Protein backbone atom coordinates (compact mmCIF):
# COMPACT_ATOMS: atom_id res chain seq x y z
CA UNK A 1 -20.21 21.70 20.32
CA UNK A 2 -18.12 18.72 18.86
CA UNK A 3 -21.38 17.37 17.18
CA UNK A 4 -22.19 20.54 15.60
CA UNK A 5 -18.46 21.20 14.52
CA UNK A 6 -18.72 17.77 12.99
CA UNK A 7 -21.88 18.56 10.86
CA UNK A 8 -20.54 21.55 9.93
CA UNK A 9 -17.58 19.82 8.34
CA UNK A 10 -19.60 17.22 6.61
CA UNK A 11 -22.01 19.94 5.18
CA UNK A 12 -19.04 21.70 3.78
CA UNK A 13 -17.28 18.71 2.23
CA UNK A 14 -20.29 18.61 -0.12
CA UNK A 15 -19.22 21.24 -1.78
CA UNK A 16 -15.79 20.18 -2.36
CA UNK A 17 -14.47 18.48 -5.49
CA UNK A 18 -15.40 15.12 -5.75
CA UNK A 19 -12.97 13.57 -8.04
CA UNK A 20 -10.34 11.21 -7.06
CA UNK A 21 -6.87 11.59 -8.81
CA UNK A 22 -3.23 12.16 -7.70
CA UNK A 23 -3.01 15.47 -6.17
CA UNK A 24 0.09 17.57 -5.26
CA UNK A 25 0.43 17.91 -1.54
CA UNK A 26 0.71 21.82 -0.94
CA UNK A 27 2.43 22.12 2.49
CA UNK A 28 4.03 20.60 5.43
CA UNK A 29 6.73 17.50 5.60
CA UNK A 30 5.47 15.78 2.57
CA UNK A 31 5.07 19.11 0.27
CA UNK A 32 5.59 18.01 -3.23
CA UNK A 33 4.58 14.60 -3.21
CA UNK A 34 1.52 13.42 -4.10
CA UNK A 35 -1.58 11.72 -2.73
CA UNK A 36 -4.28 10.11 -4.58
CA UNK A 37 -7.49 11.26 -3.06
CA UNK A 38 -10.41 13.99 -3.59
CA UNK A 39 -10.70 17.64 -1.84
CA UNK A 40 -14.34 16.02 -0.67
CA UNK A 41 -12.47 12.94 1.05
CA UNK A 42 -9.35 14.35 2.77
CA UNK A 43 -8.85 17.75 2.22
CA UNK A 44 -6.37 17.91 5.02
CA UNK A 45 -3.82 15.83 3.28
CA UNK A 46 -3.94 17.90 0.24
CA UNK A 47 -3.51 21.15 1.96
CA UNK A 48 -0.56 19.05 3.87
CA UNK A 49 -2.07 19.30 7.44
CA UNK A 50 -3.14 15.81 8.11
CA UNK A 51 -1.45 14.24 11.17
CA UNK A 52 1.06 16.49 12.45
CA UNK A 53 2.27 14.86 15.29
CA UNK A 54 2.24 11.46 13.87
CA UNK A 55 4.74 12.65 11.17
CA UNK A 56 6.90 14.52 13.56
CA UNK A 57 7.06 11.03 15.46
CA UNK A 58 7.57 9.18 12.51
CA UNK A 59 10.46 11.64 11.81
CA UNK A 60 11.88 11.14 15.29
CA UNK A 61 11.82 6.97 14.93
CA UNK A 62 11.85 5.97 11.75
CA UNK A 63 14.98 4.90 9.91
CA UNK A 64 16.49 4.16 6.80
CA UNK A 65 16.05 0.44 5.64
CA UNK A 66 13.51 -0.71 8.17
CA UNK A 67 10.34 -2.33 7.61
CA UNK A 68 7.29 -0.68 8.79
CA UNK A 69 3.41 -1.84 8.60
CA UNK A 70 1.08 0.87 8.07
CA UNK A 71 -2.39 -0.83 9.48
CA UNK A 72 -5.05 1.11 7.82
CA UNK A 73 -3.33 3.07 5.18
CA UNK A 74 -6.23 4.48 3.21
CA UNK A 75 -4.93 6.30 0.56
CA UNK A 76 -1.59 6.60 1.51
CA UNK A 77 -0.60 9.60 3.60
CA UNK A 78 1.10 8.14 6.37
CA UNK A 79 2.58 5.16 4.07
CA UNK A 80 4.06 7.99 1.93
CA UNK A 81 5.50 9.47 4.97
CA UNK A 82 6.99 6.05 5.76
CA UNK A 83 8.01 5.25 2.51
CA UNK A 84 10.20 8.74 2.36
CA UNK A 85 11.97 7.75 5.61
CA UNK A 86 12.86 4.05 5.25
CA UNK A 87 14.11 4.69 1.62
CA UNK A 88 14.76 2.59 -0.90
CA UNK A 89 16.59 0.05 1.19
CA UNK A 90 13.24 0.20 3.56
CA UNK A 91 9.82 -1.40 3.29
CA UNK A 92 6.36 -0.48 4.22
CA UNK A 93 3.39 -2.52 4.00
CA UNK A 94 0.32 -1.02 3.81
CA UNK A 95 -2.71 -2.82 4.94
CA UNK A 96 -5.95 -1.25 3.25
CA UNK A 97 -9.04 -3.59 2.90
CA UNK A 98 -11.39 -1.55 0.90
CA UNK A 99 -10.45 -2.44 -2.77
CA UNK A 100 -11.62 1.09 -4.32
CA UNK A 101 -9.30 2.83 -1.72
CA UNK A 102 -6.39 0.24 -2.21
CA UNK A 103 -7.06 1.29 -5.64
CA UNK A 104 -6.07 5.03 -4.83
CA UNK A 105 -2.99 3.92 -2.38
CA UNK A 106 -2.03 2.46 -5.57
CA UNK A 107 -2.21 5.54 -7.58
CA UNK A 108 -0.57 7.26 -4.57
CA UNK A 109 2.26 4.56 -4.72
CA UNK A 110 2.82 5.04 -8.92
CA UNK A 111 2.47 9.05 -8.66
CA UNK A 112 5.69 9.04 -6.05
CA UNK A 113 7.68 5.87 -7.57
CA UNK A 114 7.45 4.24 -4.53
CA UNK A 115 9.27 0.70 -4.94
CA UNK A 116 9.19 0.16 -1.46
CA UNK A 117 5.90 0.18 -0.75
CA UNK A 118 3.79 -2.97 -0.89
CA UNK A 119 0.13 -2.67 -0.54
CA UNK A 120 -1.83 -5.65 0.89
CA UNK A 121 -5.84 -5.31 0.42
CA UNK A 122 -6.68 -7.42 3.61
CA UNK A 123 -8.11 -6.15 6.93
CA UNK A 124 -6.05 -7.37 9.88
CA UNK A 125 -8.06 -8.93 12.58
CA UNK A 126 -7.79 -11.90 14.91
CA UNK A 127 -9.01 -14.68 12.94
CA UNK A 128 -6.64 -18.03 11.38
CA UNK A 129 -8.39 -17.85 7.98
CA UNK A 130 -9.17 -15.28 5.51
CA UNK A 131 -12.94 -14.34 6.38
CA UNK A 132 -15.12 -12.11 4.28
CA UNK A 133 -17.41 -9.52 6.53
CA UNK A 134 -19.51 -6.35 6.06
CA UNK A 135 -18.78 -3.70 7.81
CA UNK A 136 -19.68 0.00 7.80
CA UNK A 137 -18.02 2.81 5.66
CA UNK A 138 -17.59 6.22 4.79
CA UNK A 139 -15.53 8.27 2.36
CA UNK A 140 -13.46 4.69 1.40
CA UNK A 141 -12.90 4.16 5.05
CA UNK A 142 -13.80 0.94 6.60
CA UNK A 143 -14.62 0.76 10.19
CA UNK A 144 -14.85 -2.37 12.70
CA UNK A 145 -18.06 -4.17 12.50
CA UNK A 146 -19.17 -3.40 16.27
CA UNK A 147 -19.53 0.38 14.70
CA UNK A 148 -22.61 1.61 13.80
CA UNK A 149 -22.61 2.42 10.09
CA UNK A 150 -21.49 5.97 8.58
CA UNK A 151 -24.23 7.32 6.40
CA UNK A 152 -26.05 3.38 6.39
CA UNK A 153 -23.05 2.28 3.89
CA UNK A 154 -21.45 -1.05 4.12
CA UNK A 155 -18.70 -2.66 2.39
CA UNK A 156 -17.48 -6.29 1.90
CA UNK A 157 -14.02 -6.82 3.12
CA UNK A 158 -11.37 -9.72 3.87
CA UNK A 159 -9.94 -10.33 7.17
CA UNK A 160 -7.11 -12.17 8.49
CA UNK A 161 -4.62 -12.36 11.75
CA UNK A 162 -1.20 -10.99 10.49
CA UNK A 163 0.42 -13.91 12.89
CA UNK A 164 -0.82 -16.19 9.79
CA UNK A 165 0.46 -14.70 6.96
CA UNK A 166 3.66 -12.55 7.79
CA UNK A 167 5.85 -15.47 6.62
CA UNK A 168 4.31 -15.08 3.37
CA UNK A 169 4.54 -11.88 2.92
CA UNK A 170 8.05 -10.83 4.42
CA UNK A 171 10.50 -13.07 2.19
CA UNK A 172 13.25 -13.21 3.93
CA UNK A 173 13.25 -10.44 5.93
CA UNK A 174 11.13 -11.31 8.79
CA UNK A 175 11.71 -8.62 11.35
CA UNK A 176 9.47 -5.79 12.00
CA UNK A 177 10.73 -2.53 13.10
CA UNK A 178 7.47 -0.55 13.53
CA UNK A 179 3.57 -0.79 13.55
CA UNK A 180 1.21 2.31 12.85
CA UNK A 181 -2.48 1.01 13.62
CA UNK A 182 -5.40 3.34 12.65
CA UNK A 183 -8.46 0.63 12.21
CA UNK A 184 -11.57 2.63 13.08
CA UNK A 185 -12.29 0.64 16.42
CA UNK A 186 -10.89 -2.49 15.78
CA UNK A 187 -7.87 -2.12 17.44
CA UNK A 188 -7.98 -4.86 19.99
CA UNK A 189 -8.44 -7.23 17.37
CA UNK A 190 -5.70 -6.30 15.19
CA UNK A 191 -3.34 -6.42 18.18
CA UNK A 192 -4.39 -9.55 19.18
CA UNK A 193 -3.88 -11.36 15.93
CA UNK A 194 -0.40 -9.81 15.72
CA UNK A 195 0.59 -10.99 19.13
CA UNK A 196 3.25 -13.42 17.91
CA UNK A 197 5.08 -11.07 16.00
CA UNK A 198 4.87 -8.28 18.45
CA UNK A 199 6.35 -10.27 21.23
CA UNK A 200 8.89 -11.69 18.75
CA UNK A 201 10.12 -8.49 17.23
CA UNK A 202 9.35 -5.80 19.75
CA UNK A 203 8.42 -3.44 17.19
CA UNK A 204 7.78 0.74 17.73
CA UNK A 205 4.19 0.61 17.97
CA UNK A 206 1.55 3.63 17.55
CA UNK A 207 -2.23 3.39 17.90
CA UNK A 208 -5.04 5.63 17.08
CA UNK A 209 -7.64 5.10 19.50
CA UNK A 210 -11.59 5.09 18.20
CA UNK A 211 -14.74 6.14 19.70
CA UNK A 212 -16.60 3.20 21.12
CA UNK A 213 -13.25 0.94 21.81
CA UNK A 214 -13.42 0.09 25.26
CA UNK A 215 -10.22 1.33 27.21
CA UNK A 216 -9.69 -1.27 29.87
CA UNK A 217 -9.87 -3.85 27.07
CA UNK A 218 -7.78 -2.37 25.08
CA UNK A 219 -4.80 -1.85 27.69
CA UNK A 220 -5.47 -5.63 28.46
CA UNK A 221 -4.48 -6.34 24.75
CA UNK A 222 -1.55 -4.09 24.68
CA UNK A 223 0.15 -5.45 27.91
CA UNK A 224 -0.90 -9.10 26.52
CA UNK A 225 1.38 -8.60 23.81
CA UNK A 226 4.53 -7.50 25.83
CA UNK A 227 4.07 -3.75 25.85
CA UNK A 228 3.71 -1.25 28.84
CA UNK A 229 0.05 -0.25 29.29
CA UNK A 230 0.95 3.70 29.81
CA UNK A 231 0.76 5.31 26.38
CA UNK A 232 2.49 8.68 25.38
CA UNK A 233 0.25 10.49 23.41
CA UNK A 234 2.04 11.56 19.77
CA UNK A 235 0.55 15.24 19.72
CA UNK A 236 1.99 16.30 23.48
CA UNK A 237 0.01 19.66 23.31
CA UNK A 238 -3.42 17.29 23.30
CA UNK A 239 -3.55 16.73 26.94
CA UNK A 240 -1.49 16.96 30.14
CA UNK A 241 -0.95 14.95 33.37
CA UNK A 242 -2.23 11.60 33.63
CA UNK A 243 -3.23 10.09 30.28
CA UNK A 244 -6.81 9.81 29.13
CA UNK A 245 -6.80 8.21 26.30
CA UNK A 246 -9.01 10.20 23.86
CA UNK A 247 -10.89 9.53 21.01
CA UNK A 248 -9.15 10.06 17.58
CA UNK A 249 -5.80 10.69 18.89
CA UNK A 250 -2.74 8.51 18.54
CA UNK A 251 -0.60 7.06 21.48
CA UNK A 252 2.99 5.32 21.29
CA UNK A 253 3.16 2.07 23.28
CA UNK A 254 6.60 0.75 24.56
CA UNK A 255 7.90 -2.56 25.20
CA UNK A 256 10.12 -2.88 28.22
CA UNK A 257 14.02 -2.84 27.63
CA UNK A 258 15.34 -6.70 27.84
CA UNK A 259 18.00 -7.14 30.39
């Protein structure tokens, strides 16, 4: 049933307008703002129906003046929400490695006059030096190299560990207050590549887990950077009882309170 639903959605997308431009968000907490995308690529963003649980979690956990990282920012929907919450005194660093999509993200920034948004056209991973790789891609999104190509398309991107570039990005404001990760299967490498910063700053951490990611390896990576491996689903209605870490769902991970 899941595959049938996905195939139907893909067919419907083909008939939607494909021109990318700033479009007014029609409903939800971001209503009235602009997102640079097409109806074909991201209709739920234009409708204001995307990431409802995550945006509610942001509203309860993001504070004015904070620094947040949006790792896997796509065209800027979650970055836009973060910018609203940190305000003009805060900062949002949006990492989007697909250059064309980073350009759409820049259009989102311009259309909403988000001076607090910095766009970084790299992928985060676990390599000491900037490394070019070819990755699967679809609708302007890059996936982890280990995942099968989407529609057979590939995209050249640059990858580097955050631990090796943050001191050159942050200026004189090193602390990180929160990190959102949505990287289409590269979750483990991203966490390992920012291990020192996570241990040092202990930011709020929310990660979307994707198909093909080994849950044991992922939870070991979470624990290795100082966070409890018991994640809390952002969408509390998505599951009950013991957490089972479903595909394409976001989970919050907490660092133990220091004595």
